[in-house]
PDB file of all heavy atoms in Angstrom:
ATOM      1  N   PRO A   1     -11.257  -0.557   2.066  1.00  0.00           N
ATOM      2  CA  PRO A   1     -12.650  -0.117   1.920  1.00  0.00           C
ATOM      3  C   PRO A   1     -13.240   0.533   3.163  1.00  0.00           C
ATOM      4  O   PRO A   1     -14.203   1.305   3.065  1.00  0.00           O
ATOM      5  CB  PRO A   1     -13.390  -1.417   1.576  1.00  0.00           C
ATOM      6  CG  PRO A   1     -12.360  -2.324   0.997  1.00  0.00           C
ATOM      7  CD  PRO A   1     -11.103  -1.995   1.739  1.00  0.00           C
ATOM      8  N   ASP A   2     -12.694   0.236   4.335  1.00  0.00           N
ATOM      9  CA  ASP A   2     -13.239   0.790   5.570  1.00  0.00           C
ATOM     10  C   ASP A   2     -12.606   2.127   5.969  1.00  0.00           C
ATOM     11  O   ASP A   2     -13.004   2.719   6.978  1.00  0.00           O
ATOM     12  CB  ASP A   2     -13.051  -0.211   6.717  1.00  0.00           C
ATOM     13  CG  ASP A   2     -13.901  -1.463   6.531  1.00  0.00           C
ATOM     14  OD1 ASP A   2     -14.978  -1.350   5.923  1.00  0.00           O
ATOM     15  OD2 ASP A   2     -13.477  -2.541   6.985  1.00  0.00           O
ATOM     16  N   LEU A   3     -11.623   2.587   5.204  1.00  0.00           N
ATOM     17  CA  LEU A   3     -10.973   3.856   5.524  1.00  0.00           C
ATOM     18  C   LEU A   3     -11.823   5.025   5.040  1.00  0.00           C
ATOM     19  O   LEU A   3     -12.464   4.967   3.989  1.00  0.00           O
ATOM     20  CB  LEU A   3      -9.594   3.934   4.868  1.00  0.00           C
ATOM     21  CG  LEU A   3      -8.546   2.932   5.352  1.00  0.00           C
ATOM     22  CD1 LEU A   3      -7.278   3.063   4.513  1.00  0.00           C
ATOM     23  CD2 LEU A   3      -8.231   3.128   6.829  1.00  0.00           C
ATOM     24  N   LYS A   4     -11.791   6.112   5.795  1.00  0.00           N
ATOM     25  CA  LYS A   4     -12.557   7.299   5.438  1.00  0.00           C
ATOM     26  C   LYS A   4     -11.900   8.044   4.275  1.00  0.00           C
ATOM     27  O   LYS A   4     -10.687   7.935   4.060  1.00  0.00           O
ATOM     28  CB  LYS A   4     -12.661   8.231   6.646  1.00  0.00           C
ATOM     29  CG  LYS A   4     -13.452   7.650   7.812  1.00  0.00           C
ATOM     30  CD  LYS A   4     -13.501   8.621   8.970  1.00  0.00           C
ATOM     31  CE  LYS A   4     -14.313   8.048  10.138  1.00  0.00           C
ATOM     32  NZ  LYS A   4     -14.361   8.977  11.289  1.00  0.00           N
ATOM     33  N   PRO A   5     -12.680   8.817   3.523  1.00  0.00           N
ATOM     34  CA  PRO A   5     -12.085   9.667   2.492  1.00  0.00           C
ATOM     35  C   PRO A   5     -11.038  10.601   3.112  1.00  0.00           C
ATOM     36  O   PRO A   5     -11.190  11.051   4.242  1.00  0.00           O
ATOM     37  CB  PRO A   5     -13.278  10.462   1.954  1.00  0.00           C
ATOM     38  CG  PRO A   5     -14.465   9.598   2.244  1.00  0.00           C
ATOM     39  CD  PRO A   5     -14.152   8.902   3.542  1.00  0.00           C
ATOM     40  N   GLY A   6      -9.979  10.864   2.357  1.00  0.00           N
ATOM     41  CA  GLY A   6      -8.928  11.743   2.849  1.00  0.00           C
ATOM     42  C   GLY A   6      -7.920  11.068   3.750  1.00  0.00           C
ATOM     43  O   GLY A   6      -7.056  11.737   4.326  1.00  0.00           O
ATOM     44  N   SER A   7      -7.997   9.747   3.870  1.00  0.00           N
ATOM     45  CA  SER A   7      -7.064   9.034   4.738  1.00  0.00           C
ATOM     46  C   SER A   7      -5.663   8.995   4.133  1.00  0.00           C
ATOM     47  O   SER A   7      -5.481   9.179   2.921  1.00  0.00           O
ATOM     48  CB  SER A   7      -7.554   7.610   4.998  1.00  0.00           C
ATOM     49  OG  SER A   7      -8.706   7.613   5.821  1.00  0.00           O
ATOM     50  N   LEU A   8      -4.687   8.754   4.998  1.00  0.00           N
ATOM     51  CA  LEU A   8      -3.289   8.623   4.595  1.00  0.00           C
ATOM     52  C   LEU A   8      -2.930   7.151   4.571  1.00  0.00           C
ATOM     53  O   LEU A   8      -3.047   6.459   5.586  1.00  0.00           O
ATOM     54  CB  LEU A   8      -2.393   9.374   5.585  1.00  0.00           C
ATOM     55  CG  LEU A   8      -0.872   9.222   5.436  1.00  0.00           C
ATOM     56  CD1 LEU A   8      -0.396   9.754   4.094  1.00  0.00           C
ATOM     57  CD2 LEU A   8      -0.157   9.949   6.586  1.00  0.00           C
ATOM     58  N   VAL A   9      -2.495   6.652   3.413  1.00  0.00           N
ATOM     59  CA  VAL A   9      -2.128   5.245   3.238  1.00  0.00           C
ATOM     60  C   VAL A   9      -0.629   5.190   2.957  1.00  0.00           C
ATOM     61  O   VAL A   9      -0.141   5.829   2.021  1.00  0.00           O
ATOM     62  CB  VAL A   9      -2.917   4.591   2.086  1.00  0.00           C
ATOM     63  CG1 VAL A   9      -2.547   3.112   1.952  1.00  0.00           C
ATOM     64  CG2 VAL A   9      -4.420   4.741   2.314  1.00  0.00           C
ATOM     65  N   ILE A  10       0.097   4.424   3.770  1.00  0.00           N
ATOM     66  CA  ILE A  10       1.566   4.470   3.759  1.00  0.00           C
ATOM     67  C   ILE A  10       2.148   3.093   3.486  1.00  0.00           C
ATOM     68  O   ILE A  10       1.774   2.108   4.121  1.00  0.00           O
ATOM     69  CB  ILE A  10       2.103   4.967   5.119  1.00  0.00           C
ATOM     70  CG1 ILE A  10       1.456   6.285   5.515  1.00  0.00           C
ATOM     71  CG2 ILE A  10       3.621   5.097   5.076  1.00  0.00           C
ATOM     72  CD1 ILE A  10       1.630   6.634   6.983  1.00  0.00           C
ATOM     73  N   ASN A  11       3.075   3.035   2.552  1.00  0.00           N
ATOM     74  CA  ASN A  11       3.907   1.832   2.382  1.00  0.00           C
ATOM     75  C   ASN A  11       5.167   2.015   3.208  1.00  0.00           C
ATOM     76  O   ASN A  11       6.087   2.728   2.818  1.00  0.00           O
ATOM     77  CB  ASN A  11       4.278   1.614   0.916  1.00  0.00           C
ATOM     78  CG  ASN A  11       5.248   0.445   0.743  1.00  0.00           C
ATOM     79  OD1 ASN A  11       5.340  -0.441   1.601  1.00  0.00           O
ATOM     80  ND2 ASN A  11       5.979   0.434  -0.359  1.00  0.00           N
ATOM     81  N   ALA A  12       5.197   1.353   4.371  1.00  0.00           N
ATOM     82  CA  ALA A  12       6.361   1.424   5.259  1.00  0.00           C
ATOM     83  C   ALA A  12       7.030   0.060   5.363  1.00  0.00           C
ATOM     84  O   ALA A  12       7.629  -0.267   6.383  1.00  0.00           O
ATOM     85  CB  ALA A  12       5.932   1.911   6.641  1.00  0.00           C
ATOM     86  N   THR A  13       6.925  -0.723   4.291  1.00  0.00           N
ATOM     87  CA  THR A  13       7.411  -2.105   4.334  1.00  0.00           C
ATOM     88  C   THR A  13       8.814  -2.288   3.770  1.00  0.00           C
ATOM     89  O   THR A  13       9.468  -3.273   4.068  1.00  0.00           O
ATOM     90  CB  THR A  13       6.480  -3.027   3.541  1.00  0.00           C
ATOM     91  OG1 THR A  13       6.532  -2.660   2.140  1.00  0.00           O
ATOM     92  CG2 THR A  13       5.049  -2.934   4.036  1.00  0.00           C
ATOM     93  N   GLY A  14       9.273  -1.380   2.910  1.00  0.00           N
ATOM     94  CA  GLY A  14      10.517  -1.617   2.171  1.00  0.00           C
ATOM     95  C   GLY A  14      10.277  -2.334   0.855  1.00  0.00           C
ATOM     96  O   GLY A  14      11.173  -2.391   0.007  1.00  0.00           O
ATOM     97  N   LEU A  15       9.063  -2.873   0.654  1.00  0.00           N
ATOM     98  CA  LEU A  15       8.747  -3.502  -0.631  1.00  0.00           C
ATOM     99  C   LEU A  15       8.783  -2.444  -1.735  1.00  0.00           C
ATOM    100  O   LEU A  15       8.180  -1.379  -1.611  1.00  0.00           O
ATOM    101  CB  LEU A  15       7.365  -4.151  -0.585  1.00  0.00           C
ATOM    102  CG  LEU A  15       7.263  -5.477   0.156  1.00  0.00           C
ATOM    103  CD1 LEU A  15       5.802  -5.897   0.310  1.00  0.00           C
ATOM    104  CD2 LEU A  15       8.047  -6.562  -0.576  1.00  0.00           C
ATOM    105  N   GLY A  16       9.489  -2.761  -2.805  1.00  0.00           N
ATOM    106  CA  GLY A  16       9.708  -1.814  -3.879  1.00  0.00           C
ATOM    107  C   GLY A  16      11.109  -1.246  -3.836  1.00  0.00           C
ATOM    108  O   GLY A  16      11.610  -0.732  -4.829  1.00  0.00           O
ATOM    109  N   LYS A  17      11.773  -1.342  -2.663  1.00  0.00           N
ATOM    110  CA  LYS A  17      13.155  -0.870  -2.535  1.00  0.00           C
ATOM    111  C   LYS A  17      14.074  -2.026  -2.167  1.00  0.00           C
ATOM    112  O   LYS A  17      14.887  -2.461  -2.962  1.00  0.00           O
ATOM    113  CB  LYS A  17      13.260   0.244  -1.485  1.00  0.00           C
ATOM    114  CG  LYS A  17      14.693   0.729  -1.240  1.00  0.00           C
ATOM    115  CD  LYS A  17      14.728   1.892  -0.271  1.00  0.00           C
ATOM    116  CE  LYS A  17      14.515   1.482   1.172  1.00  0.00           C
ATOM    117  NZ  LYS A  17      15.707   0.802   1.750  1.00  0.00           N
ATOM    118  N   ASP A  18      13.941  -2.527  -0.945  1.00  0.00           N
ATOM    119  CA  ASP A  18      14.823  -3.607  -0.491  1.00  0.00           C
ATOM    120  C   ASP A  18      14.550  -4.906  -1.239  1.00  0.00           C
ATOM    121  O   ASP A  18      15.460  -5.668  -1.539  1.00  0.00           O
ATOM    122  CB  ASP A  18      14.649  -3.835   1.015  1.00  0.00           C
ATOM    123  CG  ASP A  18      15.106  -2.630   1.829  1.00  0.00           C
ATOM    124  OD1 ASP A  18      15.966  -1.875   1.327  1.00  0.00           O
ATOM    125  OD2 ASP A  18      14.619  -2.442   2.954  1.00  0.00           O
ATOM    126  N   VAL A  19      13.285  -5.167  -1.496  1.00  0.00           N
ATOM    127  CA  VAL A  19      12.876  -6.338  -2.291  1.00  0.00           C
ATOM    128  C   VAL A  19      11.751  -5.895  -3.218  1.00  0.00           C
ATOM    129  O   VAL A  19      11.033  -4.939  -2.920  1.00  0.00           O
ATOM    130  CB  VAL A  19      12.409  -7.514  -1.398  1.00  0.00           C
ATOM    131  CG1 VAL A  19      13.568  -8.085  -0.601  1.00  0.00           C
ATOM    132  CG2 VAL A  19      11.294  -7.088  -0.464  1.00  0.00           C
ATOM    133  N   PRO A  20      11.581  -6.576  -4.357  1.00  0.00           N
ATOM    134  CA  PRO A  20      10.555  -6.152  -5.317  1.00  0.00           C
ATOM    135  C   PRO A  20       9.147  -6.341  -4.771  1.00  0.00           C
ATOM    136  O   PRO A  20       8.906  -7.149  -3.874  1.00  0.00           O
ATOM    137  CB  PRO A  20      10.806  -7.077  -6.522  1.00  0.00           C
ATOM    138  CG  PRO A  20      12.164  -7.649  -6.321  1.00  0.00           C
ATOM    139  CD  PRO A  20      12.384  -7.704  -4.847  1.00  0.00           C
ATOM    140  N   GLY A  21       8.216  -5.592  -5.352  1.00  0.00           N
ATOM    141  CA  GLY A  21       6.817  -5.824  -5.055  1.00  0.00           C
ATOM    142  C   GLY A  21       6.121  -4.685  -4.363  1.00  0.00           C
ATOM    143  O   GLY A  21       6.654  -3.584  -4.201  1.00  0.00           O
ATOM    144  N   SER A  22       4.889  -4.963  -3.926  1.00  0.00           N
ATOM    145  CA  SER A  22       4.035  -4.004  -3.234  1.00  0.00           C
ATOM    146  C   SER A  22       3.292  -4.739  -2.129  1.00  0.00           C
ATOM    147  O   SER A  22       2.996  -5.929  -2.264  1.00  0.00           O
ATOM    148  CB  SER A  22       3.025  -3.380  -4.202  1.00  0.00           C
ATOM    149  OG  SER A  22       2.004  -2.681  -3.499  1.00  0.00           O
ATOM    150  N   PRO A  23       2.937  -4.043  -1.053  1.00  0.00           N
ATOM    151  CA  PRO A  23       2.136  -4.692  -0.013  1.00  0.00           C
ATOM    152  C   PRO A  23       0.658  -4.783  -0.360  1.00  0.00           C
ATOM    153  O   PRO A  23      -0.136  -5.278   0.446  1.00  0.00           O
ATOM    154  CB  PRO A  23       2.353  -3.780   1.190  1.00  0.00           C
ATOM    155  CG  PRO A  23       2.604  -2.437   0.605  1.00  0.00           C
ATOM    156  CD  PRO A  23       3.363  -2.694  -0.668  1.00  0.00           C
ATOM    157  N   LEU A  24       0.270  -4.290  -1.542  1.00  0.00           N
ATOM    158  CA  LEU A  24      -1.100  -4.390  -2.031  1.00  0.00           C
ATOM    159  C   LEU A  24      -1.140  -5.202  -3.320  1.00  0.00           C
ATOM    160  O   LEU A  24      -0.148  -5.270  -4.047  1.00  0.00           O
ATOM    161  CB  LEU A  24      -1.679  -3.000  -2.307  1.00  0.00           C
ATOM    162  CG  LEU A  24      -1.784  -2.018  -1.132  1.00  0.00           C
ATOM    163  CD1 LEU A  24      -2.227  -0.647  -1.643  1.00  0.00           C
ATOM    164  CD2 LEU A  24      -2.729  -2.529  -0.064  1.00  0.00           C
ATOM    165  N   THR A  25      -2.287  -5.790  -3.625  1.00  0.00           N
ATOM    166  CA  THR A  25      -2.459  -6.420  -4.927  1.00  0.00           C
ATOM    167  C   THR A  25      -2.956  -5.365  -5.916  1.00  0.00           C
ATOM    168  O   THR A  25      -3.368  -4.260  -5.533  1.00  0.00           O
ATOM    169  CB  THR A  25      -3.486  -7.570  -4.873  1.00  0.00           C
ATOM    170  OG1 THR A  25      -4.810  -7.022  -4.790  1.00  0.00           O
ATOM    171  CG2 THR A  25      -3.223  -8.489  -3.673  1.00  0.00           C
ATOM    172  N   ASP A  26      -2.963  -5.714  -7.184  1.00  0.00           N
ATOM    173  CA  ASP A  26      -3.452  -4.776  -8.199  1.00  0.00           C
ATOM    174  C   ASP A  26      -4.958  -4.574  -8.118  1.00  0.00           C
ATOM    175  O   ASP A  26      -5.503  -3.678  -8.765  1.00  0.00           O
ATOM    176  CB  ASP A  26      -3.071  -5.279  -9.591  1.00  0.00           C
ATOM    177  CG  ASP A  26      -1.584  -5.135  -9.875  1.00  0.00           C
ATOM    178  OD1 ASP A  26      -0.923  -4.325  -9.192  1.00  0.00           O
ATOM    179  OD2 ASP A  26      -1.076  -5.848 -10.769  1.00  0.00           O
ATOM    180  N   ALA A  27      -5.639  -5.393  -7.320  1.00  0.00           N
ATOM    181  CA  ALA A  27      -7.085  -5.247  -7.152  1.00  0.00           C
ATOM    182  C   ALA A  27      -7.436  -4.244  -6.057  1.00  0.00           C
ATOM    183  O   ALA A  27      -8.613  -3.896  -5.891  1.00  0.00           O
ATOM    184  CB  ALA A  27      -7.716  -6.597  -6.822  1.00  0.00           C
ATOM    185  N   ALA A  28      -6.456  -3.750  -5.324  1.00  0.00           N
ATOM    186  CA  ALA A  28      -6.715  -2.823  -4.222  1.00  0.00           C
ATOM    187  C   ALA A  28      -7.322  -1.521  -4.733  1.00  0.00           C
ATOM    188  O   ALA A  28      -6.938  -1.020  -5.791  1.00  0.00           O
ATOM    189  CB  ALA A  28      -5.424  -2.540  -3.466  1.00  0.00           C
ATOM    190  N   VAL A  29      -8.251  -0.963  -3.946  1.00  0.00           N
ATOM    191  CA  VAL A  29      -8.891   0.315  -4.291  1.00  0.00           C
ATOM    192  C   VAL A  29      -8.659   1.291  -3.148  1.00  0.00           C
ATOM    193  O   VAL A  29      -9.076   1.055  -2.012  1.00  0.00           O
ATOM    194  CB  VAL A  29     -10.400   0.146  -4.534  1.00  0.00           C
ATOM    195  CG1 VAL A  29     -11.039   1.498  -4.862  1.00  0.00           C
ATOM    196  CG2 VAL A  29     -10.651  -0.848  -5.659  1.00  0.00           C
TER     197      VAL A  29
END
């Protein structure tokens, strides 16, 4: 919520590839 419009949000965790899941919940906006 504190990020400015046009920001770049990156999944650099390996979640979704090395192990299942996401670093965000489904409630994330």
